[in-house]
Amino acid sequence: MTNKLDQTLPLSHTLDAKGIQRLTLVSDAWIPQMNGVVTTLTQLVKKLEMSGIEVDVIHPNDYQRMPLPTYPEIPFVWRASGLEQRILNFRPQAIHIATEGALGWKARRIALKHHLPFTTAYHTKYPEYIHERFPIPTRWIYHLLKWFHRPAYNTFVPAPSILSELTDKGFPHLVLMTRGVDTTLFSPYKAQTDPQQRAPRYLYVGRVAPEKNITAFLDLNLPGQKIVVGKGPDLDNLKTAYPDVAFVGAKQGSELAEFYANADVLVFPSLTDTFGVVNIEAIASGTPVAAFPVTGPKDIITQGVNGFLDQNLKTAVEKALLLDNRRDIADSIPEYTWQGAAQQFLDHLAVIPEEA
C-alpha cells in the first residue's frame, strides 16, 4: 500500500497568507528550464500571487551566468551583482531559498549576515546525481547539504518517503509540501487515439540524463512503441543507440497533455527522484505508471489502481498495461492540488519580524 499524505488539504480557492504580503523566492532553476522543480515553483508563485502576495523571484536569468559544465541546460550564476541590496530593499516578510545552487548559496549567506530567518527546500538528490558523473562519495555531498539546510527555519520536502530518508541521515526540521497537478490541462479526454486500434505506447517524460536511468526502460523488450519526451545531455547518444525509439524533444502545455493521454503506460525508471511530478501528470491523464519501488513513485502509486511498482521494471510495465479504466486512474489522486501545496508552503514559512 502506498504511503499517502495525511494532510487534509483546503478546498477553498483562497489561501490563508498568514499575514505575509511580500515573499522573496530564490531559485537556480527557472523558466525556460523544463523540469519538476520549475513546474513546482511556477505553480506555487501563481497561487501565491492569486492570493495577493507579491513574490520577487530571484533566478539565473537576472544575473551573469554560464552553462554548467557537463550539463549546459542548467545555468550557473557566477556573479550576482546587487543581490544583497535587492533582497534588503524589497523588505520581504519571508525568504525561501528553493535550491542549493550558486544563487541559493549567495542568498543563504546574505540572510545569515543580516539575521533574516529563511526556509529551504530539498527537491533533488544531488549526491546521487553528482556521483553518476564524478567519483565523489555520496556521503560527502550529503554532509555539505546538511550544512546548507541546517540554519533554515524549515526545509520543505515533497513526500513522506524522502522525509523519512533525510531524517535518518540527520537532516533537521523537515516539513512536507506536496505537489499538484492541473486537471484542466492533464485529462483522459485529451486522448486522440483508440488504444484498442494500435500497438501499445510506452512513454518516458523528463530530463534525458544519466541520473534518470532511462536505459533501464529503453533496454526492455516490449511490443509496441517507446516514446521519449524531453531533452538533456544524453539525448544525442541515446538517439544513436536506440534508433527504434521515438525521441520527440521537450513538450509542454496541451501538446504534452496529449502525449500523456495517448500513452498506455508512463515508464518512470529513475531510482533517485524525490517525487516525480510527471507521475501525477500521467495519472491525471488516465495513464498508469510503471516504476521501481523507490522514493517518489512509492508515495504516489497505489498498486493495481493507478500503476505498479516492481524491482523488475518489465513486470511493472506489463501489469500496468492491464489497467485500462482511464477515468478511475485519473480520479485516484484527488489529494494532489497546487492549492493544497501552496497552503502547506505558507503554513511553514519563517516570518521575518518587521524590525528585522
Protein backbone atom coordinates (compact mmCIF):
# COMPACT_ATOMS: atom_id res chain seq x y z
CA MET A 1 0.00 0.00 0.00
CA THR A 2 1.39 3.37 -0.92
CA ASN A 3 2.26 5.88 1.78
CA LYS A 4 -0.15 8.76 1.13
CA LEU A 5 -0.07 12.22 2.63
CA ASP A 6 -2.12 12.60 5.80
CA GLN A 7 -2.84 16.31 5.47
CA THR A 8 -6.37 17.49 4.80
CA LEU A 9 -5.84 19.99 2.03
CA PRO A 10 -8.08 23.06 1.67
CA LEU A 11 -10.83 23.09 -0.93
CA SER A 12 -11.21 26.88 -0.92
CA HIS A 13 -9.58 28.91 -3.68
CA THR A 14 -8.39 31.48 -1.12
CA LEU A 15 -5.13 30.83 0.69
CA ASP A 16 -4.50 31.81 4.29
CA ALA A 17 -1.47 34.04 3.73
CA LYS A 18 -0.54 34.11 7.44
CA GLY A 19 -0.10 37.88 7.17
CA ILE A 20 2.63 37.58 4.54
CA GLN A 21 2.37 40.16 1.75
CA ARG A 22 5.91 40.07 0.30
CA LEU A 23 7.97 36.96 -0.34
CA THR A 24 11.48 36.63 -1.76
CA LEU A 25 11.90 33.31 -3.59
CA VAL A 26 15.41 32.34 -4.73
CA SER A 27 15.91 29.56 -7.27
CA ASP A 28 18.69 28.40 -9.58
CA ALA A 29 16.02 26.58 -11.64
CA TRP A 30 13.59 28.73 -13.60
CA ILE A 31 12.00 29.23 -16.98
CA PRO A 32 12.99 28.35 -19.72
CA GLN A 33 14.24 25.21 -17.95
CA MET A 34 11.64 22.43 -18.04
CA ASN A 35 11.70 20.12 -15.05
CA GLY A 36 9.76 19.24 -11.92
CA VAL A 37 11.41 21.98 -9.85
CA VAL A 38 10.42 24.69 -12.33
CA THR A 39 6.89 23.30 -12.61
CA THR A 40 6.55 23.29 -8.83
CA LEU A 41 7.89 26.81 -8.32
CA THR A 42 5.97 28.45 -11.17
CA GLN A 43 2.71 26.88 -9.99
CA LEU A 44 3.48 27.93 -6.42
CA VAL A 45 4.15 31.54 -7.44
CA LYS A 46 0.95 31.58 -9.49
CA LYS A 47 -1.13 30.50 -6.49
CA LEU A 48 0.59 32.94 -4.12
CA GLU A 49 0.12 35.90 -6.47
CA MET A 50 -3.54 34.99 -6.97
CA SER A 51 -3.89 35.38 -3.19
CA GLY A 52 -2.40 38.87 -3.24
CA ILE A 53 1.16 38.01 -2.20
CA GLU A 54 3.89 39.93 -4.03
CA VAL A 55 6.66 37.50 -4.96
CA ASP A 56 10.13 38.64 -6.01
CA VAL A 57 11.55 35.61 -7.85
CA ILE A 58 15.34 35.76 -7.93
CA HIS A 59 16.52 33.47 -10.73
CA PRO A 60 19.54 32.98 -13.03
CA ASN A 61 18.13 35.00 -15.94
CA ASP A 62 18.63 38.19 -13.91
CA TYR A 63 22.40 37.76 -13.47
CA GLN A 64 25.66 36.96 -15.21
CA ARG A 65 25.70 33.24 -15.83
CA MET A 66 27.38 30.48 -17.77
CA PRO A 67 26.34 26.93 -18.75
CA LEU A 68 27.04 24.41 -16.03
CA PRO A 69 29.92 22.12 -17.10
CA THR A 70 28.63 18.67 -18.23
CA TYR A 71 25.04 19.98 -18.10
CA PRO A 72 24.72 23.07 -20.36
CA GLU A 73 20.92 23.30 -19.94
CA ILE A 74 21.48 24.43 -16.34
CA PRO A 75 22.78 28.00 -15.84
CA PHE A 76 25.46 28.73 -13.26
CA VAL A 77 25.32 32.24 -11.77
CA TRP A 78 28.94 33.23 -11.21
CA ARG A 79 28.20 36.84 -10.30
CA ALA A 80 25.00 38.27 -8.79
CA SER A 81 25.71 41.98 -8.65
CA GLY A 82 23.27 43.87 -6.46
CA LEU A 83 21.67 40.75 -4.96
CA GLU A 84 22.10 41.88 -1.35
CA GLN A 85 20.50 45.26 -1.93
CA ARG A 86 17.72 43.70 -3.96
CA ILE A 87 16.75 41.45 -1.07
CA LEU A 88 17.03 44.17 1.56
CA ASN A 89 15.20 46.84 -0.49
CA PHE A 90 12.27 44.51 -1.14
CA ARG A 91 11.83 44.08 2.63
CA PRO A 92 10.38 40.60 2.37
CA GLN A 93 8.24 39.19 5.15
CA ALA A 94 9.59 35.74 4.29
CA ILE A 95 12.54 34.35 2.33
CA HIS A 96 12.51 30.96 0.66
CA ILE A 97 15.70 29.53 -0.87
CA ALA A 98 14.43 26.81 -3.17
CA THR A 99 17.70 25.33 -4.48
CA GLU A 100 21.22 24.60 -3.31
CA GLY A 101 22.84 26.11 -6.41
CA ALA A 102 25.05 29.18 -6.73
CA LEU A 103 22.20 31.66 -6.20
CA GLY A 104 20.92 29.65 -3.26
CA TRP A 105 24.31 29.77 -1.52
CA LYS A 106 24.63 33.53 -2.13
CA ALA A 107 21.15 34.21 -0.74
CA ARG A 108 21.85 31.97 2.27
CA ARG A 109 24.99 33.98 3.07
CA ILE A 110 23.05 37.27 2.85
CA ALA A 111 20.21 36.03 5.04
CA LEU A 112 22.63 34.80 7.71
CA LYS A 113 24.64 38.04 7.56
CA HIS A 114 21.52 40.11 8.30
CA HIS A 115 19.98 37.61 10.74
CA LEU A 116 16.95 37.06 8.49
CA PRO A 117 15.15 33.76 9.05
CA PHE A 118 14.55 31.73 5.91
CA THR A 119 13.28 28.39 4.67
CA THR A 120 14.85 25.99 2.15
CA ALA A 121 13.69 23.06 0.04
CA TYR A 122 15.10 19.69 -0.93
CA HIS A 123 13.97 18.97 -4.48
CA THR A 124 16.81 16.91 -5.90
CA LYS A 125 19.07 14.05 -4.83
CA TYR A 126 22.24 15.86 -5.80
CA PRO A 127 24.55 13.35 -4.05
CA GLU A 128 23.37 10.56 -6.35
CA TYR A 129 23.28 12.83 -9.42
CA ILE A 130 26.83 14.07 -8.86
CA HIS A 131 28.04 10.54 -8.15
CA GLU A 132 26.71 9.50 -11.58
CA ARG A 133 29.16 11.92 -13.22
CA PHE A 134 32.13 12.06 -10.86
CA PRO A 135 33.70 9.59 -8.38
CA ILE A 136 32.64 11.61 -5.34
CA PRO A 137 31.21 9.66 -2.38
CA THR A 138 27.55 10.50 -1.79
CA ARG A 139 28.15 10.88 1.96
CA TRP A 140 30.40 13.89 1.28
CA ILE A 141 27.66 15.67 -0.66
CA TYR A 142 25.03 14.78 1.94
CA HIS A 143 27.27 16.30 4.61
CA LEU A 144 27.53 19.51 2.55
CA LEU A 145 23.76 19.63 2.01
CA LYS A 146 23.07 19.15 5.71
CA TRP A 147 25.33 22.12 6.37
CA PHE A 148 23.43 24.17 3.77
CA HIS A 149 19.99 23.39 5.22
CA ARG A 150 20.84 23.38 8.95
CA PRO A 151 20.30 27.14 9.59
CA ALA A 152 16.91 27.13 7.83
CA TYR A 153 13.77 27.52 9.91
CA ASN A 154 12.18 24.67 7.92
CA THR A 155 13.26 22.57 4.96
CA PHE A 156 10.45 21.52 2.61
CA VAL A 157 10.42 18.00 1.17
CA PRO A 158 7.83 16.67 -1.30
CA ALA A 159 6.84 13.29 0.13
CA PRO A 160 6.89 11.11 3.26
CA SER A 161 9.47 8.63 1.99
CA ILE A 162 12.11 11.30 1.30
CA LEU A 163 11.31 12.95 4.63
CA SER A 164 11.99 9.64 6.38
CA GLU A 165 15.18 9.06 4.38
CA LEU A 166 16.60 12.50 5.15
CA THR A 167 15.61 12.26 8.81
CA ASP A 168 17.62 9.05 9.04
CA LYS A 169 20.58 10.94 7.55
CA GLY A 170 20.37 13.64 10.22
CA PHE A 171 18.64 16.48 8.34
CA PRO A 172 16.76 18.69 10.86
CA HIS A 173 13.36 20.48 10.81
CA LEU A 174 11.88 18.79 7.73
CA VAL A 175 8.28 19.54 6.71
CA LEU A 176 6.08 18.33 3.87
CA MET A 177 4.99 20.35 0.90
CA THR A 178 3.15 18.15 -1.56
CA ARG A 179 2.87 18.68 -5.32
CA GLY A 180 -0.16 19.25 -7.52
CA VAL A 181 -1.49 18.69 -10.99
CA ASP A 182 -3.62 20.87 -13.27
CA THR A 183 -6.55 18.60 -14.09
CA THR A 184 -7.94 21.10 -16.59
CA LEU A 185 -4.80 20.50 -18.66
CA PHE A 186 -3.98 16.87 -17.88
CA SER A 187 -7.07 14.76 -18.54
CA PRO A 188 -8.06 11.45 -20.20
CA TYR A 189 -10.20 13.47 -22.58
CA LYS A 190 -7.06 14.72 -24.33
CA ALA A 191 -6.57 11.28 -25.92
CA GLN A 192 -6.62 11.37 -29.73
CA THR A 193 -6.36 7.66 -30.49
CA ASP A 194 -8.16 4.45 -29.53
CA PRO A 195 -5.71 2.15 -27.70
CA GLN A 196 -7.63 -0.89 -28.95
CA GLN A 197 -6.80 0.03 -32.53
CA ARG A 198 -3.00 0.28 -32.23
CA ALA A 199 0.12 -1.19 -30.66
CA PRO A 200 0.90 -0.19 -27.06
CA ARG A 201 2.71 3.09 -26.45
CA TYR A 202 5.20 3.36 -23.60
CA LEU A 203 6.10 6.91 -22.59
CA TYR A 204 9.01 8.50 -20.72
CA VAL A 205 8.81 12.20 -19.82
CA GLY A 206 11.66 14.10 -18.20
CA ARG A 207 15.30 15.09 -18.48
CA VAL A 208 17.35 12.90 -20.78
CA ALA A 209 20.30 12.50 -18.44
CA PRO A 210 22.30 9.64 -16.85
CA GLU A 211 20.76 10.02 -13.39
CA LYS A 212 17.30 9.30 -14.81
CA ASN A 213 18.27 5.68 -15.58
CA ILE A 214 16.43 5.85 -18.93
CA THR A 215 18.29 2.89 -20.41
CA ALA A 216 16.51 0.63 -17.90
CA PHE A 217 13.37 1.49 -19.87
CA LEU A 218 14.86 1.58 -23.36
CA ASP A 219 16.51 -1.85 -22.93
CA LEU A 220 13.18 -3.55 -22.17
CA ASN A 221 11.86 -5.95 -24.80
CA LEU A 222 8.29 -4.70 -25.20
CA PRO A 223 5.81 -4.96 -28.08
CA GLY A 224 4.83 -1.55 -29.41
CA GLN A 225 6.37 1.92 -29.49
CA LYS A 226 8.66 3.59 -26.94
CA ILE A 227 8.44 7.38 -26.82
CA VAL A 228 10.81 9.75 -25.01
CA VAL A 229 9.66 13.32 -24.31
CA GLY A 230 12.39 15.63 -23.06
CA LYS A 231 15.88 16.88 -23.70
CA GLY A 232 19.20 16.74 -21.90
CA PRO A 233 22.89 15.86 -22.18
CA ASP A 234 22.27 12.20 -23.12
CA LEU A 235 19.81 12.89 -25.93
CA ASP A 236 22.16 12.55 -28.91
CA ASN A 237 23.86 9.42 -27.54
CA LEU A 238 20.54 7.69 -26.85
CA LYS A 239 19.16 8.63 -30.28
CA THR A 240 22.12 6.85 -31.84
CA ALA A 241 21.97 3.83 -29.53
CA TYR A 242 18.19 3.32 -29.81
CA PRO A 243 17.10 4.14 -33.38
CA ASP A 244 13.70 2.45 -32.94
CA VAL A 245 12.70 4.80 -30.10
CA ALA A 246 10.76 7.99 -30.89
CA PHE A 247 12.68 10.89 -29.35
CA VAL A 248 10.30 13.82 -29.78
CA GLY A 249 12.07 16.53 -27.75
CA ALA A 250 10.66 18.67 -24.97
CA LYS A 251 6.92 19.33 -24.93
CA GLN A 252 4.65 21.46 -22.78
CA GLY A 253 1.05 22.56 -22.41
CA SER A 254 -1.62 20.86 -24.49
CA GLU A 255 0.93 19.07 -26.63
CA LEU A 256 2.44 17.40 -23.56
CA ALA A 257 -1.04 16.58 -22.24
CA GLU A 258 -1.82 14.74 -25.48
CA PHE A 259 1.35 12.65 -25.20
CA TYR A 260 0.31 11.57 -21.71
CA ALA A 261 -3.30 10.82 -22.66
CA ASN A 262 -2.30 8.88 -25.80
CA ALA A 263 0.17 6.65 -23.95
CA ASP A 264 -0.74 3.29 -22.46
CA VAL A 265 1.89 3.39 -19.70
CA LEU A 266 4.22 6.04 -18.32
CA VAL A 267 7.51 4.32 -17.50
CA PHE A 268 9.42 6.05 -14.71
CA PRO A 269 12.82 4.32 -14.44
CA SER A 270 14.53 6.78 -12.09
CA LEU A 271 16.00 5.46 -8.86
CA THR A 272 16.91 8.86 -7.42
CA ASP A 273 13.92 11.20 -7.67
CA THR A 274 12.33 12.79 -4.62
CA PHE A 275 8.83 12.89 -6.17
CA GLY A 276 8.37 12.93 -9.94
CA VAL A 277 5.65 15.41 -10.96
CA VAL A 278 5.37 13.58 -14.28
CA ASN A 279 3.84 10.64 -12.39
CA ILE A 280 0.81 12.60 -11.23
CA GLU A 281 0.51 14.35 -14.60
CA ALA A 282 0.29 10.95 -16.26
CA ILE A 283 -2.18 9.58 -13.71
CA ALA A 284 -4.39 12.68 -14.07
CA SER A 285 -4.35 11.90 -17.81
CA GLY A 286 -5.66 8.39 -17.11
CA THR A 287 -2.31 6.75 -17.86
CA PRO A 288 -0.94 4.23 -15.34
CA VAL A 289 2.66 4.41 -14.15
CA ALA A 290 5.27 1.65 -14.03
CA ALA A 291 8.23 2.29 -11.75
CA PHE A 292 10.69 0.88 -9.28
CA PRO A 293 9.59 0.89 -5.59
CA VAL A 294 11.72 3.91 -4.62
CA THR A 295 11.27 7.40 -3.19
CA GLY A 296 8.81 9.36 -5.26
CA PRO A 297 6.79 6.64 -7.03
CA LYS A 298 6.07 4.72 -3.82
CA ASP A 299 4.44 7.84 -2.33
CA ILE A 300 2.17 8.30 -5.35
CA ILE A 301 1.32 4.94 -6.88
CA THR A 302 -1.35 2.68 -5.44
CA GLN A 303 -0.65 -0.85 -6.66
CA GLY A 304 -3.24 -2.07 -9.14
CA VAL A 305 -5.15 1.22 -9.08
CA ASN A 306 -3.02 3.77 -10.96
CA GLY A 307 0.12 1.77 -11.67
CA PHE A 308 2.54 -0.87 -10.47
CA LEU A 309 5.86 -0.87 -8.64
CA ASP A 310 8.27 -3.75 -9.05
CA GLN A 311 12.01 -4.36 -8.80
CA ASN A 312 11.60 -5.87 -12.27
CA LEU A 313 10.63 -2.87 -14.39
CA LYS A 314 9.30 -5.04 -17.22
CA THR A 315 6.94 -6.77 -14.80
CA ALA A 316 5.70 -3.38 -13.61
CA VAL A 317 5.11 -2.27 -17.22
CA GLU A 318 3.25 -5.45 -18.17
CA LYS A 319 0.98 -5.22 -15.13
CA ALA A 320 0.33 -1.50 -15.64
CA LEU A 321 -0.64 -2.20 -19.24
CA LEU A 322 -3.62 -4.20 -17.94
CA LEU A 323 -5.07 -1.15 -16.16
CA ASP A 324 -7.42 0.29 -18.74
CA ASN A 325 -10.12 2.21 -16.83
CA ARG A 326 -8.64 5.61 -17.53
CA ARG A 327 -11.34 7.54 -15.68
CA ASP A 328 -10.75 5.56 -12.47
CA ILE A 329 -6.99 6.09 -12.82
CA ALA A 330 -7.46 9.85 -13.26
CA ASP A 331 -9.73 10.03 -10.20
CA SER A 332 -7.27 8.18 -7.92
CA ILE A 333 -5.16 11.18 -6.76
CA PRO A 334 -7.52 13.92 -5.53
CA GLU A 335 -5.06 14.92 -2.78
CA TYR A 336 -2.52 16.37 -5.21
CA THR A 337 -3.51 20.01 -5.81
CA TRP A 338 -1.38 23.12 -6.24
CA GLN A 339 -3.78 24.94 -3.93
CA GLY A 340 -3.03 22.47 -1.16
CA ALA A 341 0.71 22.62 -1.85
CA ALA A 342 0.70 26.42 -1.66
CA GLN A 343 -1.14 26.36 1.68
CA GLN A 344 1.35 23.89 3.14
CA PHE A 345 4.11 26.22 1.96
CA LEU A 346 2.57 29.25 3.66
CA ASP A 347 1.92 27.30 6.85
CA HIS A 348 5.62 26.56 7.34
CA LEU A 349 7.37 29.77 6.24
CA ALA A 350 9.55 31.73 8.66
CA VAL A 351 8.00 35.16 9.14
CA ILE A 352 10.57 37.97 9.32
CA PRO A 353 9.81 40.43 12.13
CA GLU A 354 9.09 43.96 10.89
CA GLU A 355 12.05 45.37 12.80
CA ALA A 356 14.50 42.95 11.12
